Amino acid sequence: MSAIRIGVCDDNAEDRKRIGVEVRKVVTRLIKGTDVEIRMYSNGLALVESNQRESFQLIFLDIEMPGSDGFEVARRLSIGRVCPELVFVSNYENMVFDSQEYRPLWFVRKRLLEEDVKKAVAKYLEIRPERKLNFKVKSRMGCWEIRYADILYVECRGHEITVVMKNKETCVGWGSLKAMEDELDPDQFLRIHSNFLVNMDYVKEIGKRDAELVGGIWLPVAKDRRKEAREAIRDYERKNYGIR
């Protein structure tokens, strides 16, 4: 897979560094084996000029900057030969409404930088087919390539791995559940049993002994993991859906 070229523009050096570090961390975690090229800019006009020479796929753009602010920079980028996906960044959450005129991919709040950058990158990968979150499952017939978002749960019996997708299709390979757990995004996948990993996007409830998944699927939850699993699901819902 070719490198992802990302621009980060913020006149505040400390914020610029924080954004760059967080973006690199999230992208390298979500798309393993992909080179990430991040260019940093302290003013928007330099970013626009650079984009004309070597197009960015994704740009994180501070709104409040002296001279040409983020909205003016967005306008200039929109008339270029290639218009990258834009993510506006701001300390002021009310700016999200003004930003909609420029059709940004996402809006990142600096006070929630880690959480919002992850959502922005995931959204970018979702709308770019060549950048989807993929996971390869080895089998005797070769490799299955699966999007993270399509995985409902993973089951391991002995050395046989079964990946069940949300459409109920299955892929069977071999390996260990520990290796799968290490490979998948820990912020999205939860180990509930020695034999099962679940995608927290599809968990409806952690009951007394089982986890209920969408589609009426029930999986066992190990006794020593039940409390941790309930807390993990609550945290996931709070972070991703604002559920308290």
C-alpha atoms as a PDB file:
ATOM      1  CA  MET A   1       0.000   0.000   0.000  1.00  0.00           C
ATOM      2  CA  SER A   2       1.356   3.436  -0.913  1.00  0.00           C
ATOM      3  CA  ALA A   3       2.104   6.066   1.693  1.00  0.00           C
ATOM      4  CA  ILE A   4      -0.614   8.297   3.096  1.00  0.00           C
ATOM      5  CA  ARG A   5       0.409  11.935   2.787  1.00  0.00           C
ATOM      6  CA  ILE A   6      -1.072  14.096   5.541  1.00  0.00           C
ATOM      7  CA  GLY A   7      -0.715  17.828   6.168  1.00  0.00           C
ATOM      8  CA  VAL A   8      -0.976  19.431   9.619  1.00  0.00           C
ATOM      9  CA  CYS A   9      -1.311  23.203   9.859  1.00  0.00           C
ATOM     10  CA  ASP A  10      -1.405  25.156  13.117  1.00  0.00           C
ATOM     11  CA  ASP A  11       0.353  28.399  14.001  1.00  0.00           C
ATOM     12  CA  ASN A  12       0.865  27.179  17.592  1.00  0.00           C
ATOM     13  CA  ALA A  13       4.011  25.039  17.657  1.00  0.00           C
ATOM     14  CA  GLU A  14       2.955  22.990  20.675  1.00  0.00           C
ATOM     15  CA  ASP A  15      -0.496  22.221  19.243  1.00  0.00           C
ATOM     16  CA  ARG A  16       1.007  21.443  15.850  1.00  0.00           C
ATOM     17  CA  LYS A  17       3.317  18.876  17.407  1.00  0.00           C
ATOM     18  CA  ARG A  18       0.519  17.310  19.475  1.00  0.00           C
ATOM     19  CA  ILE A  19      -1.709  16.938  16.420  1.00  0.00           C
ATOM     20  CA  GLY A  20       1.095  15.420  14.348  1.00  0.00           C
ATOM     21  CA  VAL A  21       2.022  12.901  17.028  1.00  0.00           C
ATOM     22  CA  GLU A  22      -1.590  11.844  17.551  1.00  0.00           C
ATOM     23  CA  VAL A  23      -2.324  11.517  13.828  1.00  0.00           C
ATOM     24  CA  ARG A  24       0.744   9.356  13.253  1.00  0.00           C
ATOM     25  CA  LYS A  25      -0.124   7.142  16.219  1.00  0.00           C
ATOM     26  CA  VAL A  26      -3.697   6.582  15.074  1.00  0.00           C
ATOM     27  CA  VAL A  27      -2.928   6.001  11.387  1.00  0.00           C
ATOM     28  CA  THR A  28      -0.086   3.554  12.023  1.00  0.00           C
ATOM     29  CA  ARG A  29      -2.289   1.646  14.477  1.00  0.00           C
ATOM     30  CA  LEU A  30      -5.312   1.446  12.196  1.00  0.00           C
ATOM     31  CA  ILE A  31      -3.467   0.693   8.956  1.00  0.00           C
ATOM     32  CA  LYS A  32      -0.574  -1.591   9.718  1.00  0.00           C
ATOM     33  CA  GLY A  33       2.243  -1.774   7.208  1.00  0.00           C
ATOM     34  CA  THR A  34       1.445   1.615   5.653  1.00  0.00           C
ATOM     35  CA  ASP A  35       3.966   4.439   5.419  1.00  0.00           C
ATOM     36  CA  VAL A  36       2.685   7.693   6.864  1.00  0.00           C
ATOM     37  CA  GLU A  37       4.145  10.952   5.599  1.00  0.00           C
ATOM     38  CA  ILE A  38       3.177  13.952   7.725  1.00  0.00           C
ATOM     39  CA  ARG A  39       4.165  17.488   6.745  1.00  0.00           C
ATOM     40  CA  MET A  40       3.861  20.245   9.330  1.00  0.00           C
ATOM     41  CA  TYR A  41       3.044  23.890   8.550  1.00  0.00           C
ATOM     42  CA  SER A  42       2.813  27.000  10.689  1.00  0.00           C
ATOM     43  CA  ASN A  43       0.820  28.995   8.121  1.00  0.00           C
ATOM     44  CA  GLY A  44      -1.868  28.109   5.635  1.00  0.00           C
ATOM     45  CA  LEU A  45      -0.403  29.643   2.490  1.00  0.00           C
ATOM     46  CA  ALA A  46       2.674  27.421   2.713  1.00  0.00           C
ATOM     47  CA  LEU A  47       0.350  24.445   3.028  1.00  0.00           C
ATOM     48  CA  VAL A  48      -1.628  25.503  -0.065  1.00  0.00           C
ATOM     49  CA  GLU A  49       1.549  25.898  -2.112  1.00  0.00           C
ATOM     50  CA  SER A  50       2.824  22.525  -0.995  1.00  0.00           C
ATOM     51  CA  ASN A  51      -0.480  20.861  -1.867  1.00  0.00           C
ATOM     52  CA  GLN A  52      -0.188  22.215  -5.414  1.00  0.00           C
ATOM     53  CA  ARG A  53       3.160  20.463  -5.833  1.00  0.00           C
ATOM     54  CA  GLU A  54       2.404  17.189  -4.054  1.00  0.00           C
ATOM     55  CA  SER A  55      -1.204  16.552  -3.191  1.00  0.00           C
ATOM     56  CA  PHE A  56      -2.211  15.588   0.330  1.00  0.00           C
ATOM     57  CA  GLN A  57      -4.888  12.980   0.934  1.00  0.00           C
ATOM     58  CA  LEU A  58      -5.842  14.401   4.326  1.00  0.00           C
ATOM     59  CA  ILE A  59      -5.261  17.742   6.046  1.00  0.00           C
ATOM     60  CA  PHE A  60      -5.739  18.717   9.700  1.00  0.00           C
ATOM     61  CA  LEU A  61      -6.287  22.465   9.660  1.00  0.00           C
ATOM     62  CA  ASP A  62      -6.455  24.861  12.602  1.00  0.00           C
ATOM     63  CA  ILE A  63      -9.216  27.444  12.176  1.00  0.00           C
ATOM     64  CA  GLU A  64      -7.855  30.323  14.287  1.00  0.00           C
ATOM     65  CA  MET A  65      -4.645  31.503  12.623  1.00  0.00           C
ATOM     66  CA  PRO A  66      -3.312  35.003  11.916  1.00  0.00           C
ATOM     67  CA  GLY A  67      -3.393  36.221   8.329  1.00  0.00           C
ATOM     68  CA  SER A  68      -5.199  33.517   6.359  1.00  0.00           C
ATOM     69  CA  ASP A  69      -7.353  31.598   8.815  1.00  0.00           C
ATOM     70  CA  GLY A  70      -8.425  27.990   8.359  1.00  0.00           C
ATOM     71  CA  PHE A  71     -11.562  28.889   6.400  1.00  0.00           C
ATOM     72  CA  GLU A  72      -9.620  31.003   3.925  1.00  0.00           C
ATOM     73  CA  VAL A  73      -7.080  28.197   3.529  1.00  0.00           C
ATOM     74  CA  ALA A  74      -9.917  25.727   2.948  1.00  0.00           C
ATOM     75  CA  ARG A  75     -11.335  27.982   0.236  1.00  0.00           C
ATOM     76  CA  ARG A  76      -7.962  28.146  -1.522  1.00  0.00           C
ATOM     77  CA  LEU A  77      -7.519  24.383  -1.291  1.00  0.00           C
ATOM     78  CA  SER A  78     -10.968  23.815  -2.812  1.00  0.00           C
ATOM     79  CA  ILE A  79      -9.988  25.528  -6.074  1.00  0.00           C
ATOM     80  CA  GLY A  80      -6.800  23.531  -6.533  1.00  0.00           C
ATOM     81  CA  ARG A  81      -6.395  20.663  -8.995  1.00  0.00           C
ATOM     82  CA  VAL A  82      -6.810  18.162  -6.165  1.00  0.00           C
ATOM     83  CA  CYS A  83      -8.906  18.890  -3.089  1.00  0.00           C
ATOM     84  CA  PRO A  84      -7.851  16.829  -0.063  1.00  0.00           C
ATOM     85  CA  GLU A  85     -10.162  15.745   2.720  1.00  0.00           C
ATOM     86  CA  LEU A  86     -10.225  18.435   5.419  1.00  0.00           C
ATOM     87  CA  VAL A  87     -10.426  18.058   9.165  1.00  0.00           C
ATOM     88  CA  PHE A  88     -10.842  21.351  11.019  1.00  0.00           C
ATOM     89  CA  VAL A  89      -9.200  21.693  14.429  1.00  0.00           C
ATOM     90  CA  SER A  90     -10.216  24.254  17.040  1.00  0.00           C
ATOM     91  CA  ASN A  91     -10.345  25.162  20.713  1.00  0.00           C
ATOM     92  CA  TYR A  92     -13.838  26.532  20.134  1.00  0.00           C
ATOM     93  CA  GLU A  93     -16.559  23.954  19.649  1.00  0.00           C
ATOM     94  CA  ASN A  94     -19.086  26.511  18.360  1.00  0.00           C
ATOM     95  CA  MET A  95     -16.904  26.868  15.233  1.00  0.00           C
ATOM     96  CA  VAL A  96     -18.208  23.516  14.041  1.00  0.00           C
ATOM     97  CA  PHE A  97     -21.324  25.237  12.657  1.00  0.00           C
ATOM     98  CA  ASP A  98     -19.379  27.817  10.616  1.00  0.00           C
ATOM     99  CA  SER A  99     -17.074  25.085   9.312  1.00  0.00           C
ATOM    100  CA  GLN A 100     -19.913  23.179   7.614  1.00  0.00           C
ATOM    101  CA  GLU A 101     -19.875  25.635   4.709  1.00  0.00           C
ATOM    102  CA  TYR A 102     -16.568  24.059   3.646  1.00  0.00           C
ATOM    103  CA  ARG A 103     -17.860  20.465   3.895  1.00  0.00           C
ATOM    104  CA  PRO A 104     -15.126  19.146   6.203  1.00  0.00           C
ATOM    105  CA  LEU A 105     -14.681  15.441   6.779  1.00  0.00           C
ATOM    106  CA  TRP A 106     -14.628  15.934  10.559  1.00  0.00           C
ATOM    107  CA  PHE A 107     -14.161  18.488  13.334  1.00  0.00           C
ATOM    108  CA  VAL A 108     -11.504  17.925  16.020  1.00  0.00           C
ATOM    109  CA  ARG A 109     -11.708  19.585  19.422  1.00  0.00           C
ATOM    110  CA  LYS A 110      -8.267  20.260  20.860  1.00  0.00           C
ATOM    111  CA  ARG A 111      -9.411  19.371  24.355  1.00  0.00           C
ATOM    112  CA  LEU A 112     -10.487  15.946  23.039  1.00  0.00           C
ATOM    113  CA  LEU A 113      -7.655  15.559  20.576  1.00  0.00           C
ATOM    114  CA  GLU A 114      -6.979  11.835  20.983  1.00  0.00           C
ATOM    115  CA  GLU A 115     -10.634  10.827  20.785  1.00  0.00           C
ATOM    116  CA  ASP A 116     -11.522  13.091  17.846  1.00  0.00           C
ATOM    117  CA  VAL A 117      -8.434  12.355  15.751  1.00  0.00           C
ATOM    118  CA  LYS A 118      -9.220   8.648  15.933  1.00  0.00           C
ATOM    119  CA  LYS A 119     -12.771   9.290  14.681  1.00  0.00           C
ATOM    120  CA  ALA A 120     -11.511  11.562  11.901  1.00  0.00           C
ATOM    121  CA  VAL A 121      -8.996   9.012  10.623  1.00  0.00           C
ATOM    122  CA  ALA A 122     -11.556   6.193  10.820  1.00  0.00           C
ATOM    123  CA  LYS A 123     -14.001   8.307   8.807  1.00  0.00           C
ATOM    124  CA  TYR A 124     -11.353   8.993   6.189  1.00  0.00           C
ATOM    125  CA  LEU A 125     -10.608   5.293   5.822  1.00  0.00           C
ATOM    126  CA  GLU A 126     -14.311   4.544   5.574  1.00  0.00           C
ATOM    127  CA  ILE A 127     -14.858   6.817   2.563  1.00  0.00           C
ATOM    128  CA  ARG A 128     -11.654   5.866   0.765  1.00  0.00           C
ATOM    129  CA  PRO A 129     -12.028   2.274  -0.511  1.00  0.00           C
ATOM    130  CA  GLU A 130      -8.300   1.854  -1.028  1.00  0.00           C
ATOM    131  CA  ARG A 131      -7.701   2.912   2.568  1.00  0.00           C
ATOM    132  CA  LYS A 132     -10.206   0.717   4.367  1.00  0.00           C
ATOM    133  CA  LEU A 133      -9.240  -0.889   7.631  1.00  0.00           C
ATOM    134  CA  ASN A 134      -8.172  -4.340   6.519  1.00  0.00           C
ATOM    135  CA  PHE A 135      -7.190  -7.423   8.423  1.00  0.00           C
ATOM    136  CA  LYS A 136      -5.687 -10.473   6.750  1.00  0.00           C
ATOM    137  CA  VAL A 137      -6.543 -13.900   8.085  1.00  0.00           C
ATOM    138  CA  LYS A 138      -4.114 -16.618   7.088  1.00  0.00           C
ATOM    139  CA  SER A 139      -5.573 -19.917   5.958  1.00  0.00           C
ATOM    140  CA  ARG A 140      -4.346 -22.977   4.117  1.00  0.00           C
ATOM    141  CA  MET A 141      -5.805 -21.492   0.949  1.00  0.00           C
ATOM    142  CA  GLY A 142      -3.971 -18.183   1.314  1.00  0.00           C
ATOM    143  CA  CYS A 143      -5.195 -14.986   2.985  1.00  0.00           C
ATOM    144  CA  TRP A 144      -8.643 -13.542   3.487  1.00  0.00           C
ATOM    145  CA  GLU A 145      -8.716  -9.748   3.577  1.00  0.00           C
ATOM    146  CA  ILE A 146     -11.431  -8.382   5.851  1.00  0.00           C
ATOM    147  CA  ARG A 147     -12.430  -4.895   6.953  1.00  0.00           C
ATOM    148  CA  TYR A 148     -12.274  -4.401  10.717  1.00  0.00           C
ATOM    149  CA  ALA A 149     -15.718  -2.808  10.603  1.00  0.00           C
ATOM    150  CA  ASP A 150     -17.195  -5.992   9.074  1.00  0.00           C
ATOM    151  CA  ILE A 151     -15.984  -8.301  11.851  1.00  0.00           C
ATOM    152  CA  LEU A 152     -18.716  -9.296  14.304  1.00  0.00           C
ATOM    153  CA  TYR A 153     -16.606 -11.618  16.451  1.00  0.00           C
ATOM    154  CA  VAL A 154     -13.653 -13.998  16.322  1.00  0.00           C
ATOM    155  CA  GLU A 155     -13.710 -17.526  17.697  1.00  0.00           C
ATOM    156  CA  CYS A 156     -10.747 -19.788  18.354  1.00  0.00           C
ATOM    157  CA  ARG A 157     -10.940 -23.556  18.851  1.00  0.00           C
ATOM    158  CA  GLY A 158      -7.557 -25.176  19.229  1.00  0.00           C
ATOM    159  CA  HIS A 159      -5.528 -23.561  16.452  1.00  0.00           C
ATOM    160  CA  GLU A 160      -8.512 -22.889  14.202  1.00  0.00           C
ATOM    161  CA  ILE A 161      -9.651 -19.284  13.903  1.00  0.00           C
ATOM    162  CA  THR A 162     -13.142 -18.442  12.682  1.00  0.00           C
ATOM    163  CA  VAL A 163     -13.905 -14.838  11.823  1.00  0.00           C
ATOM    164  CA  VAL A 164     -17.657 -14.160  11.736  1.00  0.00           C
ATOM    165  CA  MET A 165     -18.733 -11.085   9.797  1.00  0.00           C
ATOM    166  CA  LYS A 166     -21.763  -8.912  10.468  1.00  0.00           C
ATOM    167  CA  ASN A 167     -23.457 -10.409   7.382  1.00  0.00           C
ATOM    168  CA  LYS A 168     -22.965 -13.829   9.065  1.00  0.00           C
ATOM    169  CA  GLU A 169     -20.397 -14.997   6.509  1.00  0.00           C
ATOM    170  CA  THR A 170     -17.353 -16.734   7.989  1.00  0.00           C
ATOM    171  CA  CYS A 171     -13.664 -17.049   7.188  1.00  0.00           C
ATOM    172  CA  VAL A 172     -11.713 -19.931   8.688  1.00  0.00           C
ATOM    173  CA  GLY A 173      -7.956 -19.850   9.179  1.00  0.00           C
ATOM    174  CA  TRP A 174      -5.407 -20.901  11.732  1.00  0.00           C
ATOM    175  CA  GLY A 175      -3.429 -19.210  14.481  1.00  0.00           C
ATOM    176  CA  SER A 176      -3.997 -18.089  18.054  1.00  0.00           C
ATOM    177  CA  LEU A 177      -6.553 -15.760  19.560  1.00  0.00           C
ATOM    178  CA  LYS A 178      -3.752 -13.942  21.391  1.00  0.00           C
ATOM    179  CA  ALA A 179      -2.119 -13.090  18.064  1.00  0.00           C
ATOM    180  CA  MET A 180      -5.456 -11.860  16.742  1.00  0.00           C
ATOM    181  CA  GLU A 181      -5.996  -9.786  19.870  1.00  0.00           C
ATOM    182  CA  ASP A 182      -2.585  -8.157  19.474  1.00  0.00           C
ATOM    183  CA  GLU A 183      -3.256  -7.398  15.809  1.00  0.00           C
ATOM    184  CA  LEU A 184      -6.738  -5.930  16.079  1.00  0.00           C
ATOM    185  CA  ASP A 185      -7.488  -2.440  17.392  1.00  0.00           C
ATOM    186  CA  PRO A 186      -7.694  -2.720  21.220  1.00  0.00           C
ATOM    187  CA  ASP A 187     -10.057   0.271  21.309  1.00  0.00           C
ATOM    188  CA  GLN A 188     -12.606  -1.637  19.226  1.00  0.00           C
ATOM    189  CA  PHE A 189     -12.151  -5.347  20.012  1.00  0.00           C
ATOM    190  CA  LEU A 190     -12.646  -6.931  23.420  1.00  0.00           C
ATOM    191  CA  ARG A 191     -11.583 -10.337  24.730  1.00  0.00           C
ATOM    192  CA  ILE A 192     -14.570 -11.736  26.637  1.00  0.00           C
ATOM    193  CA  HIS A 193     -13.512 -15.382  26.875  1.00  0.00           C
ATOM    194  CA  SER A 194     -10.523 -17.614  26.187  1.00  0.00           C
ATOM    195  CA  ASN A 195     -12.256 -18.486  22.906  1.00  0.00           C
ATOM    196  CA  PHE A 196     -13.889 -15.221  21.844  1.00  0.00           C
ATOM    197  CA  LEU A 197     -13.056 -11.667  20.752  1.00  0.00           C
ATOM    198  CA  VAL A 198     -15.956  -9.327  19.998  1.00  0.00           C
ATOM    199  CA  ASN A 199     -16.277  -6.092  18.063  1.00  0.00           C
ATOM    200  CA  MET A 200     -17.652  -3.618  20.620  1.00  0.00           C
ATOM    201  CA  ASP A 201     -19.570  -1.842  17.874  1.00  0.00           C
ATOM    202  CA  TYR A 202     -21.938  -4.809  17.796  1.00  0.00           C
ATOM    203  CA  VAL A 203     -22.310  -5.612  21.488  1.00  0.00           C
ATOM    204  CA  LYS A 204     -25.802  -4.812  22.761  1.00  0.00           C
ATOM    205  CA  GLU A 205     -25.335  -5.922  26.349  1.00  0.00           C
ATOM    206  CA  ILE A 206     -23.065  -7.836  28.716  1.00  0.00           C
ATOM    207  CA  GLY A 207     -25.390 -10.021  30.777  1.00  0.00           C
ATOM    208  CA  LYS A 208     -24.765 -12.141  33.839  1.00  0.00           C
ATOM    209  CA  ARG A 209     -23.041 -14.877  31.868  1.00  0.00           C
ATOM    210  CA  ASP A 210     -23.265 -13.963  28.184  1.00  0.00           C
ATOM    211  CA  ALA A 211     -22.751 -11.125  25.753  1.00  0.00           C
ATOM    212  CA  GLU A 212     -25.627 -10.268  23.438  1.00  0.00           C
ATOM    213  CA  LEU A 213     -24.526  -9.165  19.979  1.00  0.00           C
ATOM    214  CA  VAL A 214     -26.652  -7.665  17.229  1.00  0.00           C
ATOM    215  CA  GLY A 215     -28.602 -10.232  15.251  1.00  0.00           C
ATOM    216  CA  GLY A 216     -29.576 -12.227  18.312  1.00  0.00           C
ATOM    217  CA  ILE A 217     -26.167 -13.804  18.844  1.00  0.00           C
ATOM    218  CA  TRP A 218     -25.124 -14.783  22.368  1.00  0.00           C
ATOM    219  CA  LEU A 219     -21.548 -15.595  23.343  1.00  0.00           C
ATOM    220  CA  PRO A 220     -20.230 -16.744  26.728  1.00  0.00           C
ATOM    221  CA  VAL A 221     -18.348 -14.288  28.917  1.00  0.00           C
ATOM    222  CA  ALA A 222     -15.745 -15.767  31.247  1.00  0.00           C
ATOM    223  CA  LYS A 223     -16.561 -15.211  34.922  1.00  0.00           C
ATOM    224  CA  ASP A 224     -13.286 -13.404  35.598  1.00  0.00           C
ATOM    225  CA  ARG A 225     -13.864 -11.058  32.636  1.00  0.00           C
ATOM    226  CA  ARG A 226     -17.486  -9.989  33.219  1.00  0.00           C
ATOM    227  CA  LYS A 227     -16.858  -6.884  35.312  1.00  0.00           C
ATOM    228  CA  GLU A 228     -14.036  -5.722  33.048  1.00  0.00           C
ATOM    229  CA  ALA A 229     -16.158  -6.389  29.952  1.00  0.00           C
ATOM    230  CA  ARG A 230     -19.098  -4.321  31.262  1.00  0.00           C
ATOM    231  CA  GLU A 231     -16.791  -1.425  32.091  1.00  0.00           C
ATOM    232  CA  ALA A 232     -15.106  -1.645  28.690  1.00  0.00           C
ATOM    233  CA  ILE A 233     -18.465  -1.516  26.883  1.00  0.00           C
ATOM    234  CA  ARG A 234     -19.609   1.468  28.975  1.00  0.00           C
ATOM    235  CA  ASP A 235     -16.362   3.315  28.221  1.00  0.00           C
ATOM    236  CA  TYR A 236     -16.675   2.499  24.520  1.00  0.00           C
ATOM    237  CA  GLU A 237     -20.246   3.808  24.372  1.00  0.00           C
ATOM    238  CA  ARG A 238     -19.283   6.994  26.196  1.00  0.00           C
ATOM    239  CA  LYS A 239     -16.362   7.692  23.866  1.00  0.00           C
ATOM    240  CA  ASN A 240     -18.088   6.843  20.611  1.00  0.00           C
ATOM    241  CA  TYR A 241     -21.762   7.594  21.145  1.00  0.00           C
ATOM    242  CA  GLY A 242     -21.885   9.956  24.082  1.00  0.00           C
ATOM    243  CA  ILE A 243     -23.893   7.452  26.155  1.00  0.00           C
ATOM    244  CA  ARG A 244     -23.580   8.063  29.883  1.00  0.00           C
END
